[in-house]
Protein backbone atom coordinates (compact mmCIF):
# COMPACT_ATOMS: atom_id res chain seq x y z
CA MET A 1 107.28 61.78 102.71
CA THR A 2 107.83 65.55 102.59
CA ALA A 3 109.93 66.90 99.74
CA LYS A 4 113.02 68.79 100.81
CA THR A 5 113.41 72.38 99.73
CA ASP A 6 116.78 73.42 98.45
CA VAL A 7 117.94 76.43 100.45
CA PRO A 8 121.13 77.99 99.17
CA THR A 9 123.90 78.36 101.73
CA TYR A 10 125.28 81.82 102.33
CA ASP A 11 128.27 82.88 100.26
CA GLN A 12 131.59 83.53 101.94
CA PRO A 13 132.49 87.14 101.13
CA PRO A 14 136.09 87.99 100.41
CA GLY A 15 138.22 89.24 103.28
CA ASN A 16 138.79 92.71 101.94
CA GLU A 17 140.42 95.49 103.92
CA GLY A 18 139.78 99.22 103.65
CA HIS A 19 136.60 98.51 101.69
CA VAL A 20 132.96 99.58 101.90
CA ILE A 21 130.25 97.10 102.84
CA ILE A 22 126.87 97.57 101.16
CA ALA A 23 124.04 95.72 102.89
CA GLY A 24 121.12 95.43 100.49
CA PHE A 25 121.83 95.53 96.77
CA GLY A 26 118.53 96.60 95.25
CA ARG A 27 118.14 99.79 93.23
CA PHE A 28 119.48 102.01 96.03
CA GLY A 29 122.51 99.88 96.87
CA GLN A 30 123.36 99.30 93.21
CA ILE A 31 123.63 103.03 92.52
CA VAL A 32 126.04 103.39 95.44
CA GLY A 33 128.02 100.43 94.12
CA ARG A 34 128.20 101.82 90.59
CA VAL A 35 129.63 105.12 91.83
CA LEU A 36 132.17 103.33 94.03
CA SER A 37 133.20 101.11 91.11
CA ALA A 38 133.66 104.14 88.87
CA GLN A 39 135.92 105.63 91.55
CA LYS A 40 137.79 102.32 91.93
CA ILE A 41 136.76 102.01 95.58
CA SER A 42 136.41 98.38 96.56
CA PHE A 43 133.18 97.22 98.16
CA THR A 44 131.49 94.04 99.33
CA ALA A 45 127.76 93.86 98.56
CA LEU A 46 125.49 91.57 100.57
CA ASP A 47 121.86 90.75 99.85
CA ILE A 48 119.55 88.26 101.55
CA SER A 49 117.57 87.53 98.38
CA ALA A 50 119.11 84.65 96.42
CA ASP A 51 117.04 85.65 93.36
CA GLN A 52 118.34 89.22 93.55
CA VAL A 53 121.92 87.98 93.86
CA ASP A 54 121.54 85.72 90.82
CA PHE A 55 119.93 88.52 88.80
CA VAL A 56 122.59 91.11 89.64
CA LYS A 57 125.45 88.67 88.99
CA ARG A 58 124.24 88.24 85.41
CA TYR A 59 125.23 91.86 84.83
CA GLY A 60 128.72 91.35 86.21
CA ALA A 61 128.26 92.96 89.62
CA LYS A 62 130.14 91.61 92.64
CA ILE A 63 127.53 90.56 95.16
CA TYR A 64 127.27 87.85 97.79
CA TYR A 65 124.26 86.04 99.15
CA GLY A 66 123.92 86.55 102.87
CA ASP A 67 122.06 88.03 105.81
CA ALA A 68 123.93 91.20 106.79
CA SER A 69 122.47 91.07 110.31
CA ARG A 70 124.46 87.90 111.04
CA LEU A 71 127.62 88.51 113.02
CA ASP A 72 129.52 85.60 111.46
CA LEU A 73 128.88 86.98 107.98
CA LEU A 74 129.92 90.50 108.97
CA ARG A 75 133.13 89.12 110.41
CA ALA A 76 133.73 87.09 107.25
CA ALA A 77 133.31 90.34 105.30
CA LYS A 78 135.94 91.88 107.60
CA ALA A 79 133.64 94.58 108.90
CA GLU A 80 136.28 95.50 111.45
CA GLU A 81 138.58 96.50 108.55
CA ALA A 82 135.91 98.29 106.49
CA ARG A 83 135.99 102.04 105.86
CA ALA A 84 132.21 102.44 105.87
CA PHE A 85 128.95 100.50 106.04
CA VAL A 86 126.09 101.42 103.69
CA LEU A 87 122.75 100.27 105.07
CA ALA A 88 120.52 100.00 102.00
CA ILE A 89 118.20 97.18 103.07
CA ASP A 90 114.62 97.66 101.89
CA ASP A 91 112.82 95.90 104.76
CA VAL A 92 112.56 98.19 107.80
CA GLU A 93 112.87 95.52 110.49
CA ALA A 94 115.79 93.80 108.73
CA SER A 95 117.45 97.20 108.32
CA LEU A 96 117.13 97.93 112.03
CA ALA A 97 118.36 94.46 113.04
CA THR A 98 121.42 94.91 110.86
CA ALA A 99 122.07 98.42 112.17
CA GLU A 100 121.85 97.17 115.74
CA MET A 101 124.26 94.31 115.03
CA VAL A 102 126.82 96.61 113.39
CA ARG A 103 126.57 99.27 116.11
CA LYS A 104 126.98 96.68 118.86
CA ASN A 105 129.90 94.74 117.40
CA PHE A 106 131.67 97.32 115.22
CA PRO A 107 131.06 100.64 117.03
CA ARG A 108 133.76 102.49 115.10
CA LEU A 109 132.32 101.57 111.70
CA GLU A 110 130.45 104.58 110.27
CA ILE A 111 126.97 103.69 109.03
CA TYR A 112 125.41 105.52 106.08
CA ALA A 113 121.75 104.56 106.18
CA ARG A 114 118.83 104.58 103.81
CA ALA A 115 115.46 105.09 105.48
CA ARG A 116 112.08 104.25 104.02
CA ASN A 117 110.41 107.19 105.72
CA ARG A 118 110.66 109.61 108.63
CA GLN A 119 109.65 107.03 111.26
CA HIS A 120 112.29 104.60 109.98
CA ALA A 121 114.81 107.44 110.23
CA TYR A 122 113.84 108.08 113.86
CA ARG A 123 114.27 104.39 114.72
CA LEU A 124 117.72 104.46 113.18
CA MET A 125 118.49 107.55 115.23
CA ASP A 126 117.47 105.56 118.32
CA LEU A 127 120.48 103.37 117.51
CA GLY A 128 122.80 106.37 117.28
CA ILE A 129 122.88 106.60 113.48
CA ILE A 130 122.88 110.17 112.18
CA ILE A 131 123.87 109.93 108.49
CA ILE A 132 120.46 109.04 107.08
CA TRP A 133 118.85 109.64 103.70
CA ARG A 134 115.14 109.04 103.24
CA GLU A 135 114.82 107.17 99.97
CA THR A 136 112.29 109.43 98.22
CA PHE A 137 113.43 112.71 99.76
CA ALA A 138 116.34 113.60 97.48
CA SER A 139 114.64 112.47 94.27
CA SER A 140 111.48 114.41 95.20
CA LEU A 141 113.53 117.56 95.67
CA GLU A 142 115.29 117.06 92.33
CA LEU A 143 111.92 116.81 90.60
CA THR A 144 110.66 119.87 92.50
CA ARG A 145 113.71 121.85 91.35
CA ASP A 146 112.92 121.03 87.71
CA LEU A 147 109.24 121.81 88.33
CA LEU A 148 110.05 125.28 89.68
CA VAL A 149 112.19 126.00 86.62
CA GLY A 150 109.38 124.77 84.39
CA LEU A 151 106.99 127.10 86.20
CA GLY A 152 109.19 130.10 85.45
CA ASP A 153 111.85 130.39 88.15
CA ASP A 154 115.44 130.61 87.01
CA ARG A 155 117.78 127.75 87.97
CA ASP A 156 119.58 129.70 90.71
CA LYS A 157 116.32 130.63 92.41
CA ALA A 158 115.03 127.05 92.18
CA ASP A 159 118.31 125.76 93.65
CA SER A 160 118.05 128.25 96.50
CA ILE A 161 114.43 127.32 97.30
CA VAL A 162 115.16 123.59 97.32
CA SER A 163 118.33 124.04 99.38
CA ARG A 164 116.49 126.15 101.95
CA PHE A 165 113.71 123.58 102.20
CA MET A 166 116.20 120.72 102.60
CA GLU A 167 118.11 122.59 105.31
CA HIS A 168 114.90 123.41 107.20
CA ASP A 169 113.54 119.87 106.93
CA ARG A 170 116.77 118.26 108.11
CA MET A 171 117.02 120.65 111.05
CA ARG A 172 113.45 119.85 112.09
CA LEU A 173 114.05 116.12 111.65
CA PHE A 174 116.63 116.22 114.44
CA GLU A 175 114.78 118.77 116.58
CA HIS A 176 111.56 116.73 116.51
CA TYR A 177 113.33 113.47 117.28
CA THR A 178 112.64 113.60 121.02
CA HIS A 179 108.87 113.71 120.33
CA HIS A 180 108.67 111.09 117.56
CA THR A 181 106.71 108.59 119.68
CA ASP A 182 104.02 111.18 120.52
CA ASP A 183 101.65 111.27 117.52
CA GLU A 184 99.65 114.27 118.76
CA LYS A 185 102.78 116.31 119.44
CA MET A 186 104.25 115.35 116.04
CA GLN A 187 101.07 116.54 114.31
CA ASP A 188 101.34 119.91 116.08
CA LEU A 189 105.02 120.17 115.19
CA ALA A 190 104.28 119.36 111.53
CA LYS A 191 101.79 122.25 111.41
CA GLU A 192 104.29 124.58 113.08
CA SER A 193 106.98 123.51 110.62
CA ALA A 194 104.72 124.21 107.63
CA LYS A 195 103.96 127.69 108.97
CA GLU A 196 107.68 128.33 109.56
CA LEU A 197 108.41 127.41 105.96
CA GLU A 198 105.79 129.81 104.63
CA GLU A 199 107.15 132.64 106.78
CA MET A 200 110.74 131.84 105.83
CA PHE A 201 110.01 131.93 102.11
CA ALA A 202 107.96 135.11 102.54
CA ARG A 203 110.96 136.80 104.19
CA ASP A 204 113.23 135.54 101.42
CA ALA A 205 110.89 137.05 98.81
CA GLU A 206 110.83 140.42 100.63
CA GLU A 207 114.63 140.48 100.83
CA ALA A 208 114.89 139.62 97.14
CA ASP A 209 112.53 142.50 96.29
CA LEU A 210 114.67 144.92 98.31
CA ILE A 211 117.77 143.83 96.43
CA ASP A 212 116.03 144.18 93.04
CA ASP A 213 114.41 147.52 93.92
CA PRO A 214 116.51 149.30 96.60
CA ALA A 215 115.21 152.45 98.29
CA PRO A 216 116.48 155.65 96.63
CA ASP A 217 119.44 157.41 98.21
CA ARG A 218 118.00 160.36 100.18
CA ARG A 219 121.21 162.37 99.84
CA ALA A 220 120.98 162.18 96.07
CA ALA A 221 117.41 163.48 96.25
CA GLU A 222 118.50 166.45 98.32
């Protein structure tokens, strides 16, 4: 006789209205939830890991056990009444399945997505999602900003460098999207992008030098 395994049934989320749904309540989703809580913005958090749900609940967070890619659960969470949907699921395939379900059944619901990497971001873009943050991108830039200051740049210059890099990278992310399934083309584009960055920062440095040391006024010399 085979022993039966106890599988917890999914929780029934509250029927909120005008709320935010957070799918995936690991480290990424929890930070979003903490900020929303501090701003008194109601949210419904869903996570497919029963262990994660139990752990988070011990700290007083509102979270419900459930698979966010299931239509019945999304309807129970009143996705049609939600203000936004935060896609913070760690697993790439589960993230994409959830995104596809939301896009298909709640097309007016804005999705704010976390991506594991650039390829995950492109697959989300295939589904029409454009508000995407790669999980290590922002934190890497924050560290780089502090590093530049530590290496001698002032804070304003470090901010400018990081902002310029972020703007360039995001622009290229969307421009390269049409080639993301062509590995050879993407490798060429990556090399081109790196060269563009070097040239851009070189121009910035030249312009900064001109501002710091402008050419003398010829009329004054005469």
